Full PDB file with SEQRES, HELIX, SHEET, SSBOND, CRYST1, ORIGX, SCALE, CONECT and MASTER records, all heavy atoms in Angstrom:
SEQRES   1 A   34  ARG PHE GLU GLY ALA ASP GLY ARG VAL THR SER VAL VAL          
SEQRES   2 A   34  THR LYS SER GLY ARG SER LEU PRO ALA ASP ALA VAL VAL          
SEQRES   3 A   34  ILE GLY SER ALA PRO CYS ARG THR                              
SHEET    1 AA1 3 PHE A   2  ALA A   5  0                                        
SHEET    2 AA1 3 ARG A   8  VAL A  13 -1                                        
SHEET    3 AA1 3 SER A  19  PRO A  21 -1                                        
CRYST1    1.000    1.000    1.000  90.00  90.00  90.00 P 1           1          
ORIGX1      1.000000  0.000000  0.000000        0.00000                         
ORIGX2      0.000000  1.000000  0.000000        0.00000                         
ORIGX3      0.000000  0.000000  1.000000        0.00000                         
SCALE1      1.000000  0.000000  0.000000        0.00000                         
SCALE2      0.000000  1.000000  0.000000        0.00000                         
SCALE3      0.000000  0.000000  1.000000        0.00000                         
ATOM      1  N   ARG A   1       0.858  -1.209  -0.006  1.00  0.00           N  
ATOM      2  CA  ARG A   1       0.005  -0.020  -0.033  1.00  0.00           C  
ATOM      3  C   ARG A   1       0.942   1.276  -0.043  1.00  0.00           C  
ATOM      4  O   ARG A   1       2.045   1.189   0.252  1.00  0.00           O  
ATOM      5  CB  ARG A   1      -0.910   0.009   1.200  1.00  0.00           C  
ATOM      6  CG  ARG A   1      -0.176   0.179   2.555  1.00  0.00           C  
ATOM      7  CD  ARG A   1      -1.114   0.029   3.787  1.00  0.00           C  
ATOM      8  NE  ARG A   1      -0.476   0.267   5.026  1.00  0.00           N  
ATOM      9  CZ  ARG A   1       0.216  -0.671   5.616  1.00  0.00           C  
ATOM     10  NH1 ARG A   1       0.353  -1.896   5.149  1.00  0.00           N  
ATOM     11  NH2 ARG A   1       0.830  -0.416   6.832  1.00  0.00           N  
ATOM     12  N   PHE A   2       0.197   2.351  -0.305  1.00  0.00           N  
ATOM     13  CA  PHE A   2       0.832   3.727  -0.163  1.00  0.00           C  
ATOM     14  C   PHE A   2       0.173   4.355   1.033  1.00  0.00           C  
ATOM     15  O   PHE A   2      -0.907   4.194   1.248  1.00  0.00           O  
ATOM     16  CB  PHE A   2       0.601   4.482  -1.378  1.00  0.00           C  
ATOM     17  CG  PHE A   2       1.089   3.957  -2.697  1.00  0.00           C  
ATOM     18  CD1 PHE A   2       0.196   3.491  -3.614  1.00  0.00           C  
ATOM     19  CD2 PHE A   2       2.523   3.833  -2.863  1.00  0.00           C  
ATOM     20  CE1 PHE A   2       0.770   2.940  -4.834  1.00  0.00           C  
ATOM     21  CE2 PHE A   2       2.968   3.296  -4.052  1.00  0.00           C  
ATOM     22  CZ  PHE A   2       2.113   2.924  -4.975  1.00  0.00           C  
ATOM     23  N   GLU A   3       1.036   5.030   1.807  1.00  0.00           N  
ATOM     24  CA  GLU A   3       0.516   5.936   2.855  1.00  0.00           C  
ATOM     25  C   GLU A   3       0.836   7.405   2.577  1.00  0.00           C  
ATOM     26  O   GLU A   3       1.812   7.648   1.835  1.00  0.00           O  
ATOM     27  CB  GLU A   3       1.080   5.538   4.208  1.00  0.00           C  
ATOM     28  CG  GLU A   3       0.651   4.134   4.617  1.00  0.00           C  
ATOM     29  CD  GLU A   3       1.233   3.658   5.923  1.00  0.00           C  
ATOM     30  OE1 GLU A   3       2.253   4.247   6.436  1.00  0.00           O  
ATOM     31  OE2 GLU A   3       0.677   2.678   6.476  1.00  0.00           O  
ATOM     32  N   GLY A   4       0.008   8.327   3.078  1.00  0.00           N  
ATOM     33  CA  GLY A   4       0.309   9.705   2.778  1.00  0.00           C  
ATOM     34  C   GLY A   4      -0.295  10.639   3.799  1.00  0.00           C  
ATOM     35  O   GLY A   4      -0.876  10.182   4.832  1.00  0.00           O  
ATOM     36  N   ALA A   5      -0.133  11.885   3.582  1.00  0.00           N  
ATOM     37  CA  ALA A   5      -0.629  12.981   4.527  1.00  0.00           C  
ATOM     38  C   ALA A   5      -1.012  14.147   3.555  1.00  0.00           C  
ATOM     39  O   ALA A   5      -0.353  14.420   2.573  1.00  0.00           O  
ATOM     40  CB  ALA A   5       0.489  13.496   5.417  1.00  0.00           C  
ATOM     41  N   ASP A   6      -2.133  14.699   3.889  1.00  0.00           N  
ATOM     42  CA  ASP A   6      -2.730  15.828   3.153  1.00  0.00           C  
ATOM     43  C   ASP A   6      -2.892  15.513   1.583  1.00  0.00           C  
ATOM     44  O   ASP A   6      -2.543  16.367   0.807  1.00  0.00           O  
ATOM     45  CB  ASP A   6      -1.811  17.158   3.310  1.00  0.00           C  
ATOM     46  CG  ASP A   6      -1.728  17.517   4.772  1.00  0.00           C  
ATOM     47  OD1 ASP A   6      -2.724  17.452   5.439  1.00  0.00           O  
ATOM     48  OD2 ASP A   6      -0.627  17.918   5.215  1.00  0.00           O  
ATOM     49  N   GLY A   7      -3.222  14.292   1.387  1.00  0.00           N  
ATOM     50  CA  GLY A   7      -3.500  13.872  -0.039  1.00  0.00           C  
ATOM     51  C   GLY A   7      -2.328  13.507  -0.878  1.00  0.00           C  
ATOM     52  O   GLY A   7      -2.449  13.289  -2.060  1.00  0.00           O  
ATOM     53  N   ARG A   8      -1.108  13.533  -0.255  1.00  0.00           N  
ATOM     54  CA  ARG A   8       0.130  13.270  -1.021  1.00  0.00           C  
ATOM     55  C   ARG A   8       0.833  12.046  -0.399  1.00  0.00           C  
ATOM     56  O   ARG A   8       0.892  11.875   0.816  1.00  0.00           O  
ATOM     57  CB  ARG A   8       1.023  14.440  -0.952  1.00  0.00           C  
ATOM     58  CG  ARG A   8       2.262  14.301  -1.823  1.00  0.00           C  
ATOM     59  CD  ARG A   8       3.021  15.450  -2.084  1.00  0.00           C  
ATOM     60  NE  ARG A   8       4.262  15.091  -2.826  1.00  0.00           N  
ATOM     61  CZ  ARG A   8       4.271  15.009  -4.143  1.00  0.00           C  
ATOM     62  NH1 ARG A   8       3.209  15.329  -4.917  1.00  0.00           N  
ATOM     63  NH2 ARG A   8       5.313  14.700  -4.760  1.00  0.00           N  
ATOM     64  N   VAL A   9       1.459  11.263  -1.280  1.00  0.00           N  
ATOM     65  CA  VAL A   9       2.148   9.997  -0.800  1.00  0.00           C  
ATOM     66  C   VAL A   9       3.321  10.398   0.082  1.00  0.00           C  
ATOM     67  O   VAL A   9       4.038  11.463  -0.228  1.00  0.00           O  
ATOM     68  CB  VAL A   9       2.598   9.165  -1.941  1.00  0.00           C  
ATOM     69  CG1 VAL A   9       3.699   9.881  -2.758  1.00  0.00           C  
ATOM     70  CG2 VAL A   9       3.111   7.770  -1.552  1.00  0.00           C  
ATOM     71  N   THR A  10       3.518   9.653   1.095  1.00  0.00           N  
ATOM     72  CA  THR A  10       4.692   9.842   2.065  1.00  0.00           C  
ATOM     73  C   THR A  10       5.471   8.699   2.301  1.00  0.00           C  
ATOM     74  O   THR A  10       6.706   8.788   2.662  1.00  0.00           O  
ATOM     75  CB  THR A  10       4.271  10.461   3.432  1.00  0.00           C  
ATOM     76  OG1 THR A  10       3.284   9.554   3.942  1.00  0.00           O  
ATOM     77  CG2 THR A  10       3.613  11.794   3.205  1.00  0.00           C  
ATOM     78  N   SER A  11       4.921   7.526   1.989  1.00  0.00           N  
ATOM     79  CA  SER A  11       5.693   6.258   2.124  1.00  0.00           C  
ATOM     80  C   SER A  11       5.094   5.161   1.319  1.00  0.00           C  
ATOM     81  O   SER A  11       3.847   5.184   1.015  1.00  0.00           O  
ATOM     82  CB  SER A  11       5.764   5.920   3.640  1.00  0.00           C  
ATOM     83  OG  SER A  11       4.491   5.520   4.142  1.00  0.00           O  
ATOM     84  N   VAL A  12       5.875   4.113   1.092  1.00  0.00           N  
ATOM     85  CA  VAL A  12       5.471   2.899   0.466  1.00  0.00           C  
ATOM     86  C   VAL A  12       5.658   1.778   1.414  1.00  0.00           C  
ATOM     87  O   VAL A  12       6.682   1.658   2.018  1.00  0.00           O  
ATOM     88  CB  VAL A  12       6.420   2.659  -0.869  1.00  0.00           C  
ATOM     89  CG1 VAL A  12       6.094   1.270  -1.408  1.00  0.00           C  
ATOM     90  CG2 VAL A  12       6.201   3.742  -1.840  1.00  0.00           C  
ATOM     91  N   VAL A  13       4.631   0.974   1.628  1.00  0.00           N  
ATOM     92  CA  VAL A  13       4.668  -0.149   2.558  1.00  0.00           C  
ATOM     93  C   VAL A  13       4.582  -1.415   1.748  1.00  0.00           C  
ATOM     94  O   VAL A  13       3.770  -1.597   0.877  1.00  0.00           O  
ATOM     95  CB  VAL A  13       3.509  -0.071   3.641  1.00  0.00           C  
ATOM     96  CG1 VAL A  13       3.612  -1.326   4.502  1.00  0.00           C  
ATOM     97  CG2 VAL A  13       3.580   1.218   4.389  1.00  0.00           C  
ATOM     98  N   THR A  14       5.577  -2.342   2.044  1.00  0.00           N  
ATOM     99  CA  THR A  14       5.592  -3.618   1.272  1.00  0.00           C  
ATOM    100  C   THR A  14       4.957  -4.697   2.020  1.00  0.00           C  
ATOM    101  O   THR A  14       4.680  -4.598   3.233  1.00  0.00           O  
ATOM    102  CB  THR A  14       7.071  -3.975   1.027  1.00  0.00           C  
ATOM    103  OG1 THR A  14       7.786  -4.350   2.183  1.00  0.00           O  
ATOM    104  CG2 THR A  14       7.835  -2.799   0.403  1.00  0.00           C  
ATOM    105  N   LYS A  15       4.746  -5.854   1.435  1.00  0.00           N  
ATOM    106  CA  LYS A  15       4.145  -6.983   2.039  1.00  0.00           C  
ATOM    107  C   LYS A  15       4.928  -7.570   3.160  1.00  0.00           C  
ATOM    108  O   LYS A  15       4.469  -8.139   4.104  1.00  0.00           O  
ATOM    109  CB  LYS A  15       3.872  -8.109   0.963  1.00  0.00           C  
ATOM    110  CG  LYS A  15       2.959  -7.716  -0.090  1.00  0.00           C  
ATOM    111  CD  LYS A  15       1.485  -8.037   0.245  1.00  0.00           C  
ATOM    112  CE  LYS A  15       0.597  -7.580  -0.897  1.00  0.00           C  
ATOM    113  NZ  LYS A  15      -0.643  -8.300  -0.963  1.00  0.00           N  
ATOM    114  N   SER A  16       6.297  -7.386   3.096  1.00  0.00           N  
ATOM    115  CA  SER A  16       7.198  -7.871   4.087  1.00  0.00           C  
ATOM    116  C   SER A  16       7.189  -6.908   5.335  1.00  0.00           C  
ATOM    117  O   SER A  16       7.862  -7.235   6.320  1.00  0.00           O  
ATOM    118  CB  SER A  16       8.602  -7.978   3.588  1.00  0.00           C  
ATOM    119  OG  SER A  16       9.197  -6.747   3.367  1.00  0.00           O  
ATOM    120  N   GLY A  17       6.518  -5.721   5.200  1.00  0.00           N  
ATOM    121  CA  GLY A  17       6.444  -4.877   6.311  1.00  0.00           C  
ATOM    122  C   GLY A  17       7.393  -3.697   6.267  1.00  0.00           C  
ATOM    123  O   GLY A  17       7.477  -2.829   7.158  1.00  0.00           O  
ATOM    124  N   ARG A  18       8.216  -3.541   5.205  1.00  0.00           N  
ATOM    125  CA  ARG A  18       9.041  -2.415   5.060  1.00  0.00           C  
ATOM    126  C   ARG A  18       8.204  -1.064   4.865  1.00  0.00           C  
ATOM    127  O   ARG A  18       7.219  -1.129   4.043  1.00  0.00           O  
ATOM    128  CB  ARG A  18       9.952  -2.523   3.858  1.00  0.00           C  
ATOM    129  CG  ARG A  18      11.074  -3.550   3.990  1.00  0.00           C  
ATOM    130  CD  ARG A  18      11.993  -3.425   2.835  1.00  0.00           C  
ATOM    131  NE  ARG A  18      13.117  -4.401   2.896  1.00  0.00           N  
ATOM    132  CZ  ARG A  18      13.183  -5.573   2.427  1.00  0.00           C  
ATOM    133  NH1 ARG A  18      12.078  -5.981   1.712  1.00  0.00           N  
ATOM    134  NH2 ARG A  18      14.120  -6.384   2.603  1.00  0.00           N  
ATOM    135  N   SER A  19       8.586  -0.019   5.494  1.00  0.00           N  
ATOM    136  CA  SER A  19       8.030   1.214   5.298  1.00  0.00           C  
ATOM    137  C   SER A  19       9.100   2.169   4.748  1.00  0.00           C  
ATOM    138  O   SER A  19      10.023   2.502   5.426  1.00  0.00           O  
ATOM    139  CB  SER A  19       7.397   1.767   6.503  1.00  0.00           C  
ATOM    140  OG  SER A  19       6.837   3.060   6.370  1.00  0.00           O  
ATOM    141  N   LEU A  20       8.959   2.451   3.457  1.00  0.00           N  
ATOM    142  CA  LEU A  20       9.971   3.291   2.748  1.00  0.00           C  
ATOM    143  C   LEU A  20       9.525   4.725   2.582  1.00  0.00           C  
ATOM    144  O   LEU A  20       8.537   4.950   1.898  1.00  0.00           O  
ATOM    145  CB  LEU A  20      10.351   2.597   1.410  1.00  0.00           C  
ATOM    146  CG  LEU A  20      10.694   1.143   1.501  1.00  0.00           C  
ATOM    147  CD1 LEU A  20      10.694   0.553   0.099  1.00  0.00           C  
ATOM    148  CD2 LEU A  20      12.022   0.997   2.197  1.00  0.00           C  
ATOM    149  N   PRO A  21      10.214   5.677   3.120  1.00  0.00           N  
ATOM    150  CA  PRO A  21       9.848   7.116   2.923  1.00  0.00           C  
ATOM    151  C   PRO A  21       9.860   7.366   1.380  1.00  0.00           C  
ATOM    152  O   PRO A  21      10.790   7.004   0.686  1.00  0.00           O  
ATOM    153  CB  PRO A  21      10.895   7.842   3.670  1.00  0.00           C  
ATOM    154  CG  PRO A  21      11.671   6.914   4.544  1.00  0.00           C  
ATOM    155  CD  PRO A  21      11.411   5.542   3.922  1.00  0.00           C  
ATOM    156  N   ALA A  22       8.905   8.247   0.990  1.00  0.00           N  
ATOM    157  CA  ALA A  22       8.813   8.560  -0.488  1.00  0.00           C  
ATOM    158  C   ALA A  22       8.151  10.016  -0.564  1.00  0.00           C  
ATOM    159  O   ALA A  22       7.172  10.244  -0.126  1.00  0.00           O  
ATOM    160  CB  ALA A  22       7.994   7.552  -1.168  1.00  0.00           C  
ATOM    161  N   ASP A  23       8.998  10.827  -1.298  1.00  0.00           N  
ATOM    162  CA  ASP A  23       8.407  12.150  -1.703  1.00  0.00           C  
ATOM    163  C   ASP A  23       7.683  11.947  -2.955  1.00  0.00           C  
ATOM    164  O   ASP A  23       6.834  12.805  -3.311  1.00  0.00           O  
ATOM    165  CB  ASP A  23       9.549  13.174  -1.919  1.00  0.00           C  
ATOM    166  CG  ASP A  23      10.272  13.392  -0.553  1.00  0.00           C  
ATOM    167  OD1 ASP A  23       9.706  13.541   0.491  1.00  0.00           O  
ATOM    168  OD2 ASP A  23      11.571  13.289  -0.619  1.00  0.00           O  
ATOM    169  N   ALA A  24       7.981  10.967  -3.679  1.00  0.00           N  
ATOM    170  CA  ALA A  24       7.403  10.635  -5.011  1.00  0.00           C  
ATOM    171  C   ALA A  24       7.481   9.121  -5.279  1.00  0.00           C  
ATOM    172  O   ALA A  24       8.464   8.483  -4.746  1.00  0.00           O  
ATOM    173  CB  ALA A  24       7.998  11.437  -6.135  1.00  0.00           C  
ATOM    174  N   VAL A  25       6.662   8.577  -6.122  1.00  0.00           N  
ATOM    175  CA  VAL A  25       6.652   7.197  -6.525  1.00  0.00           C  
ATOM    176  C   VAL A  25       6.599   7.102  -8.003  1.00  0.00           C  
ATOM    177  O   VAL A  25       5.861   7.879  -8.659  1.00  0.00           O  
ATOM    178  CB  VAL A  25       5.536   6.355  -5.866  1.00  0.00           C  
ATOM    179  CG1 VAL A  25       5.458   4.971  -6.384  1.00  0.00           C  
ATOM    180  CG2 VAL A  25       5.653   6.395  -4.393  1.00  0.00           C  
ATOM    181  N   VAL A  26       7.355   6.163  -8.648  1.00  0.00           N  
ATOM    182  CA  VAL A  26       7.146   5.902 -10.077  1.00  0.00           C  
ATOM    183  C   VAL A  26       6.881   4.474 -10.227  1.00  0.00           C  
ATOM    184  O   VAL A  26       7.679   3.598  -9.671  1.00  0.00           O  
ATOM    185  CB  VAL A  26       8.468   6.285 -10.833  1.00  0.00           C  
ATOM    186  CG1 VAL A  26       8.211   5.983 -12.345  1.00  0.00           C  
ATOM    187  CG2 VAL A  26       8.671   7.710 -10.726  1.00  0.00           C  
ATOM    188  N   ILE A  27       5.743   4.164 -10.917  1.00  0.00           N  
ATOM    189  CA  ILE A  27       5.391   2.675 -11.117  1.00  0.00           C  
ATOM    190  C   ILE A  27       6.095   2.295 -12.406  1.00  0.00           C  
ATOM    191  O   ILE A  27       5.820   2.861 -13.495  1.00  0.00           O  
ATOM    192  CB  ILE A  27       3.887   2.584 -11.363  1.00  0.00           C  
ATOM    193  CG1 ILE A  27       3.086   3.328 -10.140  1.00  0.00           C  
ATOM    194  CG2 ILE A  27       3.505   1.142 -11.443  1.00  0.00           C  
ATOM    195  CD1 ILE A  27       3.485   2.841  -8.780  1.00  0.00           C  
ATOM    196  N   GLY A  28       6.975   1.250 -12.329  1.00  0.00           N  
ATOM    197  CA  GLY A  28       7.784   0.902 -13.455  1.00  0.00           C  
ATOM    198  C   GLY A  28       7.444  -0.367 -14.092  1.00  0.00           C  
ATOM    199  O   GLY A  28       7.995  -0.614 -15.172  1.00  0.00           O  
ATOM    200  N   SER A  29       6.573  -1.152 -13.561  1.00  0.00           N  
ATOM    201  CA  SER A  29       6.232  -2.427 -14.172  1.00  0.00           C  
ATOM    202  C   SER A  29       5.073  -3.015 -13.440  1.00  0.00           C  
ATOM    203  O   SER A  29       4.503  -2.383 -12.590  1.00  0.00           O  
ATOM    204  CB  SER A  29       7.415  -3.429 -14.167  1.00  0.00           C  
ATOM    205  OG  SER A  29       7.782  -3.881 -12.779  1.00  0.00           O  
ATOM    206  N   ALA A  30       4.764  -4.263 -13.749  1.00  0.00           N  
ATOM    207  CA  ALA A  30       3.673  -4.978 -13.129  1.00  0.00           C  
ATOM    208  C   ALA A  30       4.105  -5.162 -11.644  1.00  0.00           C  
ATOM    209  O   ALA A  30       4.974  -5.875 -11.347  1.00  0.00           O  
ATOM    210  CB  ALA A  30       3.464  -6.353 -13.758  1.00  0.00           C  
ATOM    211  N   PRO A  31       3.530  -4.375 -10.738  1.00  0.00           N  
ATOM    212  CA  PRO A  31       4.141  -4.207  -9.534  1.00  0.00           C  
ATOM    213  C   PRO A  31       3.643  -5.120  -8.389  1.00  0.00           C  
ATOM    214  O   PRO A  31       4.115  -5.176  -7.276  1.00  0.00           O  
ATOM    215  CB  PRO A  31       3.661  -2.699  -9.044  1.00  0.00           C  
ATOM    216  CG  PRO A  31       2.417  -2.579  -9.828  1.00  0.00           C  
ATOM    217  CD  PRO A  31       2.429  -3.393 -11.009  1.00  0.00           C  
ATOM    218  N   CYS A  32       2.497  -5.828  -8.571  1.00  0.00           N  
ATOM    219  CA  CYS A  32       2.041  -6.695  -7.497  1.00  0.00           C  
ATOM    220  C   CYS A  32       1.236  -7.836  -8.100  1.00  0.00           C  
ATOM    221  O   CYS A  32       0.803  -7.822  -9.200  1.00  0.00           O  
ATOM    222  CB  CYS A  32       1.230  -5.887  -6.477  1.00  0.00           C  
ATOM    223  SG  CYS A  32      -0.108  -4.903  -7.245  1.00  0.00           S  
ATOM    224  N   ARG A  33       1.030  -8.847  -7.314  1.00  0.00           N  
ATOM    225  CA  ARG A  33       0.346 -10.053  -7.806  1.00  0.00           C  
ATOM    226  C   ARG A  33      -1.211  -9.876  -7.784  1.00  0.00           C  
ATOM    227  O   ARG A  33      -1.940 -10.703  -8.278  1.00  0.00           O  
ATOM    228  CB  ARG A  33       0.711 -11.221  -6.988  1.00  0.00           C  
ATOM    229  CG  ARG A  33       2.198 -11.586  -7.169  1.00  0.00           C  
ATOM    230  CD  ARG A  33       2.459 -12.979  -6.464  1.00  0.00           C  
ATOM    231  NE  ARG A  33       3.910 -13.293  -6.758  1.00  0.00           N  
ATOM    232  CZ  ARG A  33       4.852 -13.074  -5.889  1.00  0.00           C  
ATOM    233  NH1 ARG A  33       4.611 -12.438  -4.769  1.00  0.00           N  
ATOM    234  NH2 ARG A  33       6.040 -13.444  -6.179  1.00  0.00           N  
ATOM    235  N   THR A  34      -1.688  -8.908  -7.086  1.00  0.00           N  
ATOM    236  CA  THR A  34      -3.179  -8.757  -6.936  1.00  0.00           C  
ATOM    237  C   THR A  34      -3.828  -8.236  -8.158  1.00  0.00           C  
ATOM    238  O   THR A  34      -3.246  -7.581  -9.018  1.00  0.00           O  
ATOM    239  CB  THR A  34      -3.439  -7.836  -5.700  1.00  0.00           C  
ATOM    240  OG1 THR A  34      -2.858  -6.532  -5.997  1.00  0.00           O  
ATOM    241  CG2 THR A  34      -3.024  -8.407  -4.476  1.00  0.00           C  
TER     242      THR A  34                                                      
MASTER        0    0    0    0    3    0    0    6  241    1    0    3          
END                                                                             
């Protein structure tokens, strides 16, 4: 999932539980199995 504040992304959370700070995100390929 993505998490954010005030309508803007602030972090990327992975299935393994990593929370990665993000000022911006770029989707580069088929990103998930769902």
